[in-house]
């Protein structure tokens, strides 16, 4: 089997997708990052190697997400792209003609507007926790229900209550107040979904022209209550594509295919990366008043990358070069 690998490393989850040369997604892996991006990527590569047929050839690798640069150095990525580009490419491939992408992940949310297949506008929210997957998971835990059941219960609501969704703290306080008043659990969960959708549209989606087809992706798209809340607020159909929770990795794989088609060769180091010893650290450069904090990555004891310096003194250094003052 021949194909391309996409890796999306975020603060909450790390996703890997193997995209067959024929254009079919063969394998997808969803893992919790748990603050250990390198170890998680290595674990994902081990699982992927086990699930793929022996002799599978990886023609190219792409990385995206907040840990894309670190992961790109470790695996030898052919394409290192931001989340906006990766999600837009994936959605365009899986939902032809898409014009609006709603994406809510574990720690942030974003909206991407496409016109004629090209990104024309976007916005991200990385400040407020309200509406993110982590907040919904926290509330599910507080209420004693599995996060997987959240949407199913919300769909049972008969009269959703109104909950303040502008802030995560206020939303939680309002939920507690509604519980104390005797409101039913389905009505509270449905009300929370409505509130978080209002928050999203009034902040991330403010000033954006949301036109169909609309795609909802990211881990929160698994919540049927949130899907219904978006459809009610927008008064239009909202599509949840296959592999909605790993779309960033799908886009990274597609971008890797484009990059390798231009270059002709891949920089992928192979599945052996899963067995290598990687260490990261940082030091402060005293070469000038900027006092840059330089991040350093080593592979089996050898320096393979440095970044964080404004002048390029360290990032442009050759592999294994000894640090000088």
C-alpha atoms as a PDB file:
ATOM      1  CA  UNK A   1       0.000   0.000   0.000  1.00  0.00           C
ATOM      2  CA  UNK A   2       1.199   3.519  -0.858  1.00  0.00           C
ATOM      3  CA  UNK A   3      -0.071   6.753   0.640  1.00  0.00           C
ATOM      4  CA  UNK A   4       0.472   9.941   2.631  1.00  0.00           C
ATOM      5  CA  UNK A   5       0.523  10.619   6.339  1.00  0.00           C
ATOM      6  CA  UNK A   6      -1.027  13.628   8.067  1.00  0.00           C
ATOM      7  CA  UNK A   7      -0.321  14.510  11.715  1.00  0.00           C
ATOM      8  CA  UNK A   8      -2.274  17.136  13.674  1.00  0.00           C
ATOM      9  CA  UNK A   9      -0.768  17.853  17.100  1.00  0.00           C
ATOM     10  CA  UNK A  10      -2.935  20.019  19.345  1.00  0.00           C
ATOM     11  CA  UNK A  11      -3.031  20.833  23.032  1.00  0.00           C
ATOM     12  CA  UNK A  12      -5.769  18.269  23.728  1.00  0.00           C
ATOM     13  CA  UNK A  13      -5.508  15.661  20.962  1.00  0.00           C
ATOM     14  CA  UNK A  14      -2.998  14.293  18.476  1.00  0.00           C
ATOM     15  CA  UNK A  15      -4.442  12.834  15.276  1.00  0.00           C
ATOM     16  CA  UNK A  16      -2.840  10.747  12.558  1.00  0.00           C
ATOM     17  CA  UNK A  17      -4.389   9.912   9.194  1.00  0.00           C
ATOM     18  CA  UNK A  18      -3.083   7.654   6.425  1.00  0.00           C
ATOM     19  CA  UNK A  19      -4.427   8.771   3.064  1.00  0.00           C
ATOM     20  CA  UNK A  20      -4.167   6.157   0.312  1.00  0.00           C
ATOM     21  CA  UNK A  21      -2.678   7.069  -3.049  1.00  0.00           C
ATOM     22  CA  UNK A  22      -6.099   6.374  -4.545  1.00  0.00           C
ATOM     23  CA  UNK A  23      -7.628   9.154  -2.432  1.00  0.00           C
ATOM     24  CA  UNK A  24      -9.227   6.995   0.267  1.00  0.00           C
ATOM     25  CA  UNK A  25      -8.575   7.412   3.989  1.00  0.00           C
ATOM     26  CA  UNK A  26      -7.296   4.023   5.132  1.00  0.00           C
ATOM     27  CA  UNK A  27      -6.496   4.628   8.798  1.00  0.00           C
ATOM     28  CA  UNK A  28      -7.177   7.342  11.374  1.00  0.00           C
ATOM     29  CA  UNK A  29      -5.899   7.512  14.947  1.00  0.00           C
ATOM     30  CA  UNK A  30      -7.131   9.864  17.691  1.00  0.00           C
ATOM     31  CA  UNK A  31      -4.981  10.187  20.822  1.00  0.00           C
ATOM     32  CA  UNK A  32      -4.898  12.446  23.870  1.00  0.00           C
ATOM     33  CA  UNK A  33      -1.796  14.642  23.848  1.00  0.00           C
ATOM     34  CA  UNK A  34      -1.671  15.019  27.662  1.00  0.00           C
ATOM     35  CA  UNK A  35       1.144  17.564  27.475  1.00  0.00           C
ATOM     36  CA  UNK A  36       3.536  15.081  25.831  1.00  0.00           C
ATOM     37  CA  UNK A  37       3.432  15.772  22.079  1.00  0.00           C
ATOM     38  CA  UNK A  38       6.603  13.866  21.157  1.00  0.00           C
ATOM     39  CA  UNK A  39       5.659  10.722  23.070  1.00  0.00           C
ATOM     40  CA  UNK A  40       2.123  10.868  21.688  1.00  0.00           C
ATOM     41  CA  UNK A  41       3.313  11.175  18.085  1.00  0.00           C
ATOM     42  CA  UNK A  42       5.649   8.219  18.618  1.00  0.00           C
ATOM     43  CA  UNK A  43       2.793   6.193  20.092  1.00  0.00           C
ATOM     44  CA  UNK A  44       0.605   7.091  17.127  1.00  0.00           C
ATOM     45  CA  UNK A  45       3.273   6.012  14.646  1.00  0.00           C
ATOM     46  CA  UNK A  46       3.613   2.654  16.411  1.00  0.00           C
ATOM     47  CA  UNK A  47      -0.148   2.096  16.259  1.00  0.00           C
ATOM     48  CA  UNK A  48      -0.281   3.147  12.604  1.00  0.00           C
ATOM     49  CA  UNK A  49       2.561   0.820  11.626  1.00  0.00           C
ATOM     50  CA  UNK A  50       0.757  -2.071  13.325  1.00  0.00           C
ATOM     51  CA  UNK A  51      -2.568  -1.362  11.619  1.00  0.00           C
ATOM     52  CA  UNK A  52      -1.176  -0.894   8.095  1.00  0.00           C
ATOM     53  CA  UNK A  53      -0.233  -3.860   5.863  1.00  0.00           C
ATOM     54  CA  UNK A  54       3.454  -4.891   5.972  1.00  0.00           C
ATOM     55  CA  UNK A  55       5.556  -3.050   3.430  1.00  0.00           C
ATOM     56  CA  UNK A  56       3.310   0.036   3.316  1.00  0.00           C
ATOM     57  CA  UNK A  57       5.190   2.961   1.794  1.00  0.00           C
ATOM     58  CA  UNK A  58       4.738   6.519   3.069  1.00  0.00           C
ATOM     59  CA  UNK A  59       5.315   8.868   0.160  1.00  0.00           C
ATOM     60  CA  UNK A  60       5.009  12.070   2.169  1.00  0.00           C
ATOM     61  CA  UNK A  61       4.143  13.515   5.568  1.00  0.00           C
ATOM     62  CA  UNK A  62       2.408  16.753   6.545  1.00  0.00           C
ATOM     63  CA  UNK A  63       2.009  18.301  10.000  1.00  0.00           C
ATOM     64  CA  UNK A  64      -0.373  20.899  11.394  1.00  0.00           C
ATOM     65  CA  UNK A  65      -1.702  22.096  14.752  1.00  0.00           C
ATOM     66  CA  UNK A  66      -0.011  24.012  17.549  1.00  0.00           C
ATOM     67  CA  UNK A  67       2.800  21.421  17.648  1.00  0.00           C
ATOM     68  CA  UNK A  68       3.344  21.326  13.891  1.00  0.00           C
ATOM     69  CA  UNK A  69       6.886  22.728  13.861  1.00  0.00           C
ATOM     70  CA  UNK A  70       8.152  20.400  16.582  1.00  0.00           C
ATOM     71  CA  UNK A  71       6.489  17.397  14.969  1.00  0.00           C
ATOM     72  CA  UNK A  72       7.722  18.415  11.529  1.00  0.00           C
ATOM     73  CA  UNK A  73      11.331  18.364  12.721  1.00  0.00           C
ATOM     74  CA  UNK A  74      10.929  15.000  14.426  1.00  0.00           C
ATOM     75  CA  UNK A  75       9.247  13.056  11.598  1.00  0.00           C
ATOM     76  CA  UNK A  76      10.822  14.883   8.650  1.00  0.00           C
ATOM     77  CA  UNK A  77       7.690  16.588   7.319  1.00  0.00           C
ATOM     78  CA  UNK A  78       7.305  17.611   3.693  1.00  0.00           C
ATOM     79  CA  UNK A  79       4.583  20.162   4.512  1.00  0.00           C
ATOM     80  CA  UNK A  80       4.192  22.134   7.757  1.00  0.00           C
ATOM     81  CA  UNK A  81       0.998  24.197   7.553  1.00  0.00           C
ATOM     82  CA  UNK A  82      -1.278  26.125   9.919  1.00  0.00           C
ATOM     83  CA  UNK A  83      -4.673  24.801  10.986  1.00  0.00           C
ATOM     84  CA  UNK A  84      -6.648  27.203   8.785  1.00  0.00           C
ATOM     85  CA  UNK A  85      -5.034  25.896   5.611  1.00  0.00           C
ATOM     86  CA  UNK A  86      -5.238  22.247   6.669  1.00  0.00           C
ATOM     87  CA  UNK A  87      -8.920  22.375   7.662  1.00  0.00           C
ATOM     88  CA  UNK A  88      -9.880  24.273   4.511  1.00  0.00           C
ATOM     89  CA  UNK A  89      -8.114  21.774   2.239  1.00  0.00           C
ATOM     90  CA  UNK A  90      -9.681  18.785   4.021  1.00  0.00           C
ATOM     91  CA  UNK A  91     -13.215  20.194   3.937  1.00  0.00           C
ATOM     92  CA  UNK A  92     -12.936  21.115   0.261  1.00  0.00           C
ATOM     93  CA  UNK A  93     -11.876  17.541  -0.488  1.00  0.00           C
ATOM     94  CA  UNK A  94     -14.584  15.788   1.549  1.00  0.00           C
ATOM     95  CA  UNK A  95     -17.436  18.296   1.036  1.00  0.00           C
ATOM     96  CA  UNK A  96     -17.063  19.807  -2.454  1.00  0.00           C
ATOM     97  CA  UNK A  97     -18.340  23.366  -2.706  1.00  0.00           C
ATOM     98  CA  UNK A  98     -18.180  24.078   1.027  1.00  0.00           C
ATOM     99  CA  UNK A  99     -18.423  27.814   1.766  1.00  0.00           C
ATOM    100  CA  UNK A 100     -18.376  27.964   5.590  1.00  0.00           C
ATOM    101  CA  UNK A 101     -16.396  25.856   8.062  1.00  0.00           C
ATOM    102  CA  UNK A 102     -17.238  25.868  11.773  1.00  0.00           C
ATOM    103  CA  UNK A 103     -14.478  24.227  13.799  1.00  0.00           C
ATOM    104  CA  UNK A 104     -14.445  23.737  17.569  1.00  0.00           C
ATOM    105  CA  UNK A 105     -11.638  21.815  19.204  1.00  0.00           C
ATOM    106  CA  UNK A 106     -10.491  21.107  22.709  1.00  0.00           C
ATOM    107  CA  UNK A 107      -8.986  24.511  23.503  1.00  0.00           C
ATOM    108  CA  UNK A 108      -9.981  26.866  20.704  1.00  0.00           C
ATOM    109  CA  UNK A 109     -12.498  27.504  17.968  1.00  0.00           C
ATOM    110  CA  UNK A 110     -12.300  28.961  14.492  1.00  0.00           C
ATOM    111  CA  UNK A 111     -14.401  29.865  11.486  1.00  0.00           C
ATOM    112  CA  UNK A 112     -13.188  29.658   7.892  1.00  0.00           C
ATOM    113  CA  UNK A 113     -14.994  31.301   4.984  1.00  0.00           C
ATOM    114  CA  UNK A 114     -14.317  29.949   1.496  1.00  0.00           C
ATOM    115  CA  UNK A 115     -15.448  31.377  -1.799  1.00  0.00           C
ATOM    116  CA  UNK A 116     -14.801  29.489  -5.039  1.00  0.00           C
ATOM    117  CA  UNK A 117     -12.575  27.043  -3.163  1.00  0.00           C
ATOM    118  CA  UNK A 118     -10.286  29.747  -1.747  1.00  0.00           C
ATOM    119  CA  UNK A 119     -10.095  30.973   1.869  1.00  0.00           C
ATOM    120  CA  UNK A 120     -11.441  34.531   1.818  1.00  0.00           C
ATOM    121  CA  UNK A 121     -11.754  35.149   5.571  1.00  0.00           C
ATOM    122  CA  UNK A 122     -11.223  33.443   8.918  1.00  0.00           C
ATOM    123  CA  UNK A 123     -11.182  34.097  12.645  1.00  0.00           C
ATOM    124  CA  UNK A 124      -9.918  32.228  15.698  1.00  0.00           C
ATOM    125  CA  UNK A 125     -10.754  32.345  19.393  1.00  0.00           C
ATOM    126  CA  UNK A 126      -8.034  31.095  21.733  1.00  0.00           C
ATOM    127  CA  UNK A 127      -8.907  33.292  24.723  1.00  0.00           C
ATOM    128  CA  UNK A 128     -12.304  32.201  26.105  1.00  0.00           C
ATOM    129  CA  UNK A 129     -12.925  28.603  27.175  1.00  0.00           C
ATOM    130  CA  UNK A 130     -16.703  28.836  26.682  1.00  0.00           C
ATOM    131  CA  UNK A 131     -17.760  26.549  23.853  1.00  0.00           C
ATOM    132  CA  UNK A 132     -14.585  24.493  23.612  1.00  0.00           C
ATOM    133  CA  UNK A 133     -14.417  20.758  24.027  1.00  0.00           C
ATOM    134  CA  UNK A 134     -12.615  21.050  27.350  1.00  0.00           C
ATOM    135  CA  UNK A 135     -15.420  23.181  28.824  1.00  0.00           C
ATOM    136  CA  UNK A 136     -18.133  20.782  27.647  1.00  0.00           C
ATOM    137  CA  UNK A 137     -16.183  17.826  29.038  1.00  0.00           C
ATOM    138  CA  UNK A 138     -15.757  19.636  32.352  1.00  0.00           C
ATOM    139  CA  UNK A 139     -19.494  20.305  32.614  1.00  0.00           C
ATOM    140  CA  UNK A 140     -20.352  16.724  31.678  1.00  0.00           C
ATOM    141  CA  UNK A 141     -18.057  15.516  34.459  1.00  0.00           C
ATOM    142  CA  UNK A 142     -19.614  17.929  36.948  1.00  0.00           C
ATOM    143  CA  UNK A 143     -23.079  16.645  36.049  1.00  0.00           C
ATOM    144  CA  UNK A 144     -21.966  13.024  36.246  1.00  0.00           C
ATOM    145  CA  UNK A 145     -22.667  12.075  32.627  1.00  0.00           C
ATOM    146  CA  UNK A 146     -20.281  10.633  30.007  1.00  0.00           C
ATOM    147  CA  UNK A 147     -19.315  13.270  27.426  1.00  0.00           C
ATOM    148  CA  UNK A 148     -20.407  10.785  24.737  1.00  0.00           C
ATOM    149  CA  UNK A 149     -23.987  10.999  26.076  1.00  0.00           C
ATOM    150  CA  UNK A 150     -24.072  14.821  26.247  1.00  0.00           C
ATOM    151  CA  UNK A 151     -25.619  15.403  22.828  1.00  0.00           C
ATOM    152  CA  UNK A 152     -28.004  12.465  23.074  1.00  0.00           C
ATOM    153  CA  UNK A 153     -29.442  13.808  26.339  1.00  0.00           C
ATOM    154  CA  UNK A 154     -29.619  17.375  24.998  1.00  0.00           C
ATOM    155  CA  UNK A 155     -31.800  16.184  22.091  1.00  0.00           C
ATOM    156  CA  UNK A 156     -34.408  15.022  24.616  1.00  0.00           C
ATOM    157  CA  UNK A 157     -35.075  18.615  25.769  1.00  0.00           C
ATOM    158  CA  UNK A 158     -38.653  19.859  25.651  1.00  0.00           C
ATOM    159  CA  UNK A 159     -38.058  23.468  26.703  1.00  0.00           C
ATOM    160  CA  UNK A 160     -34.364  24.471  26.662  1.00  0.00           C
ATOM    161  CA  UNK A 161     -33.535  27.029  29.351  1.00  0.00           C
ATOM    162  CA  UNK A 162     -31.642  30.214  28.569  1.00  0.00           C
ATOM    163  CA  UNK A 163     -28.088  30.171  29.907  1.00  0.00           C
ATOM    164  CA  UNK A 164     -25.548  32.982  29.805  1.00  0.00           C
ATOM    165  CA  UNK A 165     -22.875  31.835  27.377  1.00  0.00           C
ATOM    166  CA  UNK A 166     -20.640  34.889  27.134  1.00  0.00           C
ATOM    167  CA  UNK A 167     -18.190  33.512  29.709  1.00  0.00           C
ATOM    168  CA  UNK A 168     -17.373  29.991  30.923  1.00  0.00           C
ATOM    169  CA  UNK A 169     -17.585  31.080  34.568  1.00  0.00           C
ATOM    170  CA  UNK A 170     -21.006  32.722  34.112  1.00  0.00           C
ATOM    171  CA  UNK A 171     -22.273  29.764  32.085  1.00  0.00           C
ATOM    172  CA  UNK A 172     -21.378  27.318  34.861  1.00  0.00           C
ATOM    173  CA  UNK A 173     -22.951  29.549  37.523  1.00  0.00           C
ATOM    174  CA  UNK A 174     -26.114  29.859  35.454  1.00  0.00           C
ATOM    175  CA  UNK A 175     -26.282  26.077  34.972  1.00  0.00           C
ATOM    176  CA  UNK A 176     -26.023  25.534  38.732  1.00  0.00           C
ATOM    177  CA  UNK A 177     -28.770  28.102  39.287  1.00  0.00           C
ATOM    178  CA  UNK A 178     -31.058  26.353  36.787  1.00  0.00           C
ATOM    179  CA  UNK A 179     -30.404  23.008  38.509  1.00  0.00           C
ATOM    180  CA  UNK A 180     -31.363  24.510  41.853  1.00  0.00           C
ATOM    181  CA  UNK A 181     -34.581  25.822  40.300  1.00  0.00           C
ATOM    182  CA  UNK A 182     -35.494  22.267  39.307  1.00  0.00           C
ATOM    183  CA  UNK A 183     -34.990  22.449  35.529  1.00  0.00           C
ATOM    184  CA  UNK A 184     -34.515  19.068  33.852  1.00  0.00           C
ATOM    185  CA  UNK A 185     -31.073  17.882  32.778  1.00  0.00           C
ATOM    186  CA  UNK A 186     -31.976  17.687  29.041  1.00  0.00           C
ATOM    187  CA  UNK A 187     -33.325  21.259  29.111  1.00  0.00           C
ATOM    188  CA  UNK A 188     -30.147  22.508  30.831  1.00  0.00           C
ATOM    189  CA  UNK A 189     -27.815  20.729  28.387  1.00  0.00           C
ATOM    190  CA  UNK A 190     -29.799  21.948  25.369  1.00  0.00           C
ATOM    191  CA  UNK A 191     -29.768  25.461  26.828  1.00  0.00           C
ATOM    192  CA  UNK A 192     -25.991  25.247  27.253  1.00  0.00           C
ATOM    193  CA  UNK A 193     -25.583  24.172  23.611  1.00  0.00           C
ATOM    194  CA  UNK A 194     -27.701  27.134  22.486  1.00  0.00           C
ATOM    195  CA  UNK A 195     -25.655  29.486  24.673  1.00  0.00           C
ATOM    196  CA  UNK A 196     -22.323  28.246  23.347  1.00  0.00           C
ATOM    197  CA  UNK A 197     -23.514  28.572  19.759  1.00  0.00           C
ATOM    198  CA  UNK A 198     -24.583  32.181  20.475  1.00  0.00           C
ATOM    199  CA  UNK A 199     -21.146  32.807  21.975  1.00  0.00           C
ATOM    200  CA  UNK A 200     -19.446  31.364  18.889  1.00  0.00           C
ATOM    201  CA  UNK A 201     -21.522  33.304  16.366  1.00  0.00           C
ATOM    202  CA  UNK A 202     -21.246  36.589  18.305  1.00  0.00           C
ATOM    203  CA  UNK A 203     -17.477  36.321  18.712  1.00  0.00           C
ATOM    204  CA  UNK A 204     -15.714  34.063  16.228  1.00  0.00           C
ATOM    205  CA  UNK A 205     -18.433  34.450  13.604  1.00  0.00           C
ATOM    206  CA  UNK A 206     -19.055  38.174  14.126  1.00  0.00           C
ATOM    207  CA  UNK A 207     -19.241  40.012  10.803  1.00  0.00           C
ATOM    208  CA  UNK A 208     -18.840  36.803   8.802  1.00  0.00           C
ATOM    209  CA  UNK A 209     -21.261  35.862   6.012  1.00  0.00           C
ATOM    210  CA  UNK A 210     -22.079  32.227   6.703  1.00  0.00           C
ATOM    211  CA  UNK A 211     -23.389  30.627   3.525  1.00  0.00           C
ATOM    212  CA  UNK A 212     -24.246  26.984   2.756  1.00  0.00           C
ATOM    213  CA  UNK A 213     -22.894  24.391   2.453  1.00  0.00           C
ATOM    214  CA  UNK A 214     -21.826  24.685   6.109  1.00  0.00           C
ATOM    215  CA  UNK A 215     -19.441  22.115   7.597  1.00  0.00           C
ATOM    216  CA  UNK A 216     -19.051  21.540  11.338  1.00  0.00           C
ATOM    217  CA  UNK A 217     -15.853  19.770  12.372  1.00  0.00           C
ATOM    218  CA  UNK A 218     -13.529  19.295  15.324  1.00  0.00           C
ATOM    219  CA  UNK A 219     -14.133  17.060  18.343  1.00  0.00           C
ATOM    220  CA  UNK A 220     -17.215  19.024  19.464  1.00  0.00           C
ATOM    221  CA  UNK A 221     -18.980  18.096  16.198  1.00  0.00           C
ATOM    222  CA  UNK A 222     -19.620  14.691  17.794  1.00  0.00           C
ATOM    223  CA  UNK A 223     -22.112  16.454  20.080  1.00  0.00           C
ATOM    224  CA  UNK A 224     -25.519  16.152  18.401  1.00  0.00           C
ATOM    225  CA  UNK A 225     -26.873  18.872  20.682  1.00  0.00           C
ATOM    226  CA  UNK A 226     -24.348  21.369  19.327  1.00  0.00           C
ATOM    227  CA  UNK A 227     -25.167  20.370  15.740  1.00  0.00           C
ATOM    228  CA  UNK A 228     -28.874  21.003  16.309  1.00  0.00           C
ATOM    229  CA  UNK A 229     -28.139  24.298  18.079  1.00  0.00           C
ATOM    230  CA  UNK A 230     -26.106  25.513  15.082  1.00  0.00           C
ATOM    231  CA  UNK A 231     -28.834  24.475  12.641  1.00  0.00           C
ATOM    232  CA  UNK A 232     -31.441  26.296  14.720  1.00  0.00           C
ATOM    233  CA  UNK A 233     -29.341  29.467  15.011  1.00  0.00           C
ATOM    234  CA  UNK A 234     -28.310  29.537  11.338  1.00  0.00           C
ATOM    235  CA  UNK A 235     -31.617  28.197   9.978  1.00  0.00           C
ATOM    236  CA  UNK A 236     -29.790  25.928   7.572  1.00  0.00           C
ATOM    237  CA  UNK A 237     -28.412  22.403   7.299  1.00  0.00           C
ATOM    238  CA  UNK A 238     -25.066  21.825   8.993  1.00  0.00           C
ATOM    239  CA  UNK A 239     -22.962  18.955   7.604  1.00  0.00           C
ATOM    240  CA  UNK A 240     -20.743  16.849   9.867  1.00  0.00           C
ATOM    241  CA  UNK A 241     -18.295  15.113   7.508  1.00  0.00           C
ATOM    242  CA  UNK A 242     -16.734  11.695   7.987  1.00  0.00           C
ATOM    243  CA  UNK A 243     -13.530  11.960  10.038  1.00  0.00           C
ATOM    244  CA  UNK A 244     -14.795  15.267  11.457  1.00  0.00           C
ATOM    245  CA  UNK A 245     -12.503  14.903  14.479  1.00  0.00           C
ATOM    246  CA  UNK A 246      -9.286  14.416  12.459  1.00  0.00           C
ATOM    247  CA  UNK A 247      -9.849  16.879   9.611  1.00  0.00           C
ATOM    248  CA  UNK A 248      -6.652  18.762  10.372  1.00  0.00           C
ATOM    249  CA  UNK A 249      -4.646  15.575   9.837  1.00  0.00           C
ATOM    250  CA  UNK A 250      -6.568  14.846   6.617  1.00  0.00           C
ATOM    251  CA  UNK A 251      -5.652  18.288   5.315  1.00  0.00           C
ATOM    252  CA  UNK A 252      -2.013  17.827   6.325  1.00  0.00           C
ATOM    253  CA  UNK A 253      -1.859  14.559   4.358  1.00  0.00           C
ATOM    254  CA  UNK A 254      -3.343  16.222   1.279  1.00  0.00           C
ATOM    255  CA  UNK A 255      -0.865  19.099   1.551  1.00  0.00           C
ATOM    256  CA  UNK A 256       1.979  16.593   1.847  1.00  0.00           C
ATOM    257  CA  UNK A 257       0.845  14.973  -1.384  1.00  0.00           C
ATOM    258  CA  UNK A 258       1.005  18.353  -3.135  1.00  0.00           C
ATOM    259  CA  UNK A 259       4.446  19.124  -1.678  1.00  0.00           C
ATOM    260  CA  UNK A 260       5.947  15.788  -2.728  1.00  0.00           C
ATOM    261  CA  UNK A 261       4.437  16.130  -6.208  1.00  0.00           C
ATOM    262  CA  UNK A 262       6.411  19.387  -6.572  1.00  0.00           C
ATOM    263  CA  UNK A 263       9.675  18.166  -5.023  1.00  0.00           C
ATOM    264  CA  UNK A 264       9.647  14.575  -6.189  1.00  0.00           C
ATOM    265  CA  UNK A 265      11.067  13.174  -2.934  1.00  0.00           C
ATOM    266  CA  UNK A 266       9.998  12.954   0.704  1.00  0.00           C
ATOM    267  CA  UNK A 267      11.862  13.910   3.864  1.00  0.00           C
ATOM    268  CA  UNK A 268       9.996  11.353   5.998  1.00  0.00           C
ATOM    269  CA  UNK A 269      12.404   9.559   8.345  1.00  0.00           C
ATOM    270  CA  UNK A 270      10.336   6.385   8.546  1.00  0.00           C
ATOM    271  CA  UNK A 271       8.522   4.586  11.323  1.00  0.00           C
ATOM    272  CA  UNK A 272      11.877   4.241  13.091  1.00  0.00           C
ATOM    273  CA  UNK A 273      11.123   7.683  14.532  1.00  0.00           C
ATOM    274  CA  UNK A 274       8.884   5.915  17.057  1.00  0.00           C
ATOM    275  CA  UNK A 275      11.929   4.241  18.634  1.00  0.00           C
ATOM    276  CA  UNK A 276      14.302   7.210  18.706  1.00  0.00           C
ATOM    277  CA  UNK A 277      15.158   9.187  21.818  1.00  0.00           C
ATOM    278  CA  UNK A 278      14.069  12.820  21.564  1.00  0.00           C
ATOM    279  CA  UNK A 279      14.726  15.522  24.130  1.00  0.00           C
ATOM    280  CA  UNK A 280      13.678  19.163  24.174  1.00  0.00           C
ATOM    281  CA  UNK A 281      15.089  22.007  26.202  1.00  0.00           C
ATOM    282  CA  UNK A 282      15.738  25.731  26.101  1.00  0.00           C
ATOM    283  CA  UNK A 283      18.396  28.249  26.968  1.00  0.00           C
ATOM    284  CA  UNK A 284      18.705  32.016  27.016  1.00  0.00           C
ATOM    285  CA  UNK A 285      21.067  33.553  24.484  1.00  0.00           C
ATOM    286  CA  UNK A 286      23.137  36.387  25.947  1.00  0.00           C
ATOM    287  CA  UNK A 287      24.587  37.501  22.634  1.00  0.00           C
ATOM    288  CA  UNK A 288      22.542  40.724  22.553  1.00  0.00           C
ATOM    289  CA  UNK A 289      20.022  42.678  24.683  1.00  0.00           C
ATOM    290  CA  UNK A 290      17.091  40.667  23.235  1.00  0.00           C
ATOM    291  CA  UNK A 291      17.979  37.702  25.489  1.00  0.00           C
ATOM    292  CA  UNK A 292      16.059  35.295  23.227  1.00  0.00           C
ATOM    293  CA  UNK A 293      14.822  32.020  24.689  1.00  0.00           C
ATOM    294  CA  UNK A 294      16.025  29.385  22.250  1.00  0.00           C
ATOM    295  CA  UNK A 295      14.301  25.993  22.070  1.00  0.00           C
ATOM    296  CA  UNK A 296      16.520  23.053  21.216  1.00  0.00           C
ATOM    297  CA  UNK A 297      15.548  19.572  20.010  1.00  0.00           C
ATOM    298  CA  UNK A 298      17.926  16.603  20.096  1.00  0.00           C
ATOM    299  CA  UNK A 299      17.588  13.224  18.385  1.00  0.00           C
ATOM    300  CA  UNK A 300      19.597  10.424  19.983  1.00  0.00           C
ATOM    301  CA  UNK A 301      21.816  13.067  21.579  1.00  0.00           C
ATOM    302  CA  UNK A 302      22.377  15.098  18.393  1.00  0.00           C
ATOM    303  CA  UNK A 303      20.922  18.593  17.940  1.00  0.00           C
ATOM    304  CA  UNK A 304      18.505  18.546  15.002  1.00  0.00           C
ATOM    305  CA  UNK A 305      16.746  21.900  15.395  1.00  0.00           C
ATOM    306  CA  UNK A 306      16.717  25.175  17.279  1.00  0.00           C
ATOM    307  CA  UNK A 307      14.268  28.065  17.099  1.00  0.00           C
ATOM    308  CA  UNK A 308      13.164  31.144  19.001  1.00  0.00           C
ATOM    309  CA  UNK A 309      16.131  33.391  18.145  1.00  0.00           C
ATOM    310  CA  UNK A 310      15.324  36.588  16.264  1.00  0.00           C
ATOM    311  CA  UNK A 311      18.614  36.840  14.401  1.00  0.00           C
ATOM    312  CA  UNK A 312      18.923  33.229  13.259  1.00  0.00           C
ATOM    313  CA  UNK A 313      22.208  32.649  15.083  1.00  0.00           C
ATOM    314  CA  UNK A 314      21.015  29.355  16.561  1.00  0.00           C
ATOM    315  CA  UNK A 315      18.210  28.300  14.206  1.00  0.00           C
ATOM    316  CA  UNK A 316      20.576  28.446  11.244  1.00  0.00           C
ATOM    317  CA  UNK A 317      23.265  26.467  13.025  1.00  0.00           C
ATOM    318  CA  UNK A 318      24.258  23.154  11.456  1.00  0.00           C
ATOM    319  CA  UNK A 319      23.279  19.871  13.062  1.00  0.00           C
ATOM    320  CA  UNK A 320      25.320  19.018  16.130  1.00  0.00           C
ATOM    321  CA  UNK A 321      27.079  22.376  16.251  1.00  0.00           C
ATOM    322  CA  UNK A 322      28.323  23.188  19.737  1.00  0.00           C
ATOM    323  CA  UNK A 323      26.641  26.161  21.392  1.00  0.00           C
ATOM    324  CA  UNK A 324      28.858  29.210  21.807  1.00  0.00           C
ATOM    325  CA  UNK A 325      28.263  32.267  24.011  1.00  0.00           C
END
